[in-house]
Amino acid sequence: MAAELISEKGVDAVTMESVAAAAGVSKGLGYAYFTNRDDLVLGVLELELGAFNSRITAAVLAAGPGVEAQVRAAVHEWFLALTDRGAVLNTLLQASQNRLPLRDRRNETYRRLESHWGHLVATEFGVPENKAAAMCAVLISGMQGLLDRWVHVRDSRQMLEDSYVEFAIGGLRSLKAD
C-alpha cells in the first residue's frame, strides 16, 4: 500500500495512518514491522531496488559475456522495469535527494553499480579500474536523461536504447586509447 501511495501521491503522502487506512488495517499493525514512516519508506525503497536489481542482473546474465551485450541488456531491462515500476521507483529516487536514509541507500546502490560495471569495463578494455568506475558513474547518471527524453519528449525507446549503448561503448573504448 505504501508503494501505491508513493506512486500516486508522492512520498509525503505516506504516513503510518494513511497506509493503514488504505490497507484496511489498524495503524498498530504497521508499527509491528516499522518503527516510523521513514523506516516504512526506506523499506519500500529496499524492496523496489531489490526487485529492480534482480531484473537487471537476470538480463545481464542472460546476455552472456561482453560489456556491450551486457550494457544493451541492462538498458533494455531498465526501460522495461521503469515501465512496470517507474512511478514508485523514480519518486523514491527523487525524494532521496532530500531524505538522508533514502539518500544513503541510493548512494550505496550507485557505488555498488559503479564498482561492478567499472570492474567489467576495466577487464574488457584494459583501463585502470578507478577510471572505469568513474566513467560508469557518468553513464549511470546519464540514464536519468534517457528517462527524461522518453517521458517528456517521447523519443522512441528503441532509439534511446541504441543511442545510449553506442555512446557508452564508444566512450568506454576511447578510454583504452589514453
Foldseek 3Di string as FASTA:
>chain_A
DQLVCCLPPNLVCDWLVNVCVVVVHDSVVVCVPAVTSVRVLLVVQVVLVVVLVVQLVVQLVVQDDDPLSSLLSNLVSNVVSCVVRVSSNVRLQVCLVPDPVSVVVVVVVLQVQLQVQLVSLCVVLVADSVVSSVLVSVLVVCVVVLVCCCPPVVDDSVVSSVVSSVVSVVVSNVRSVD
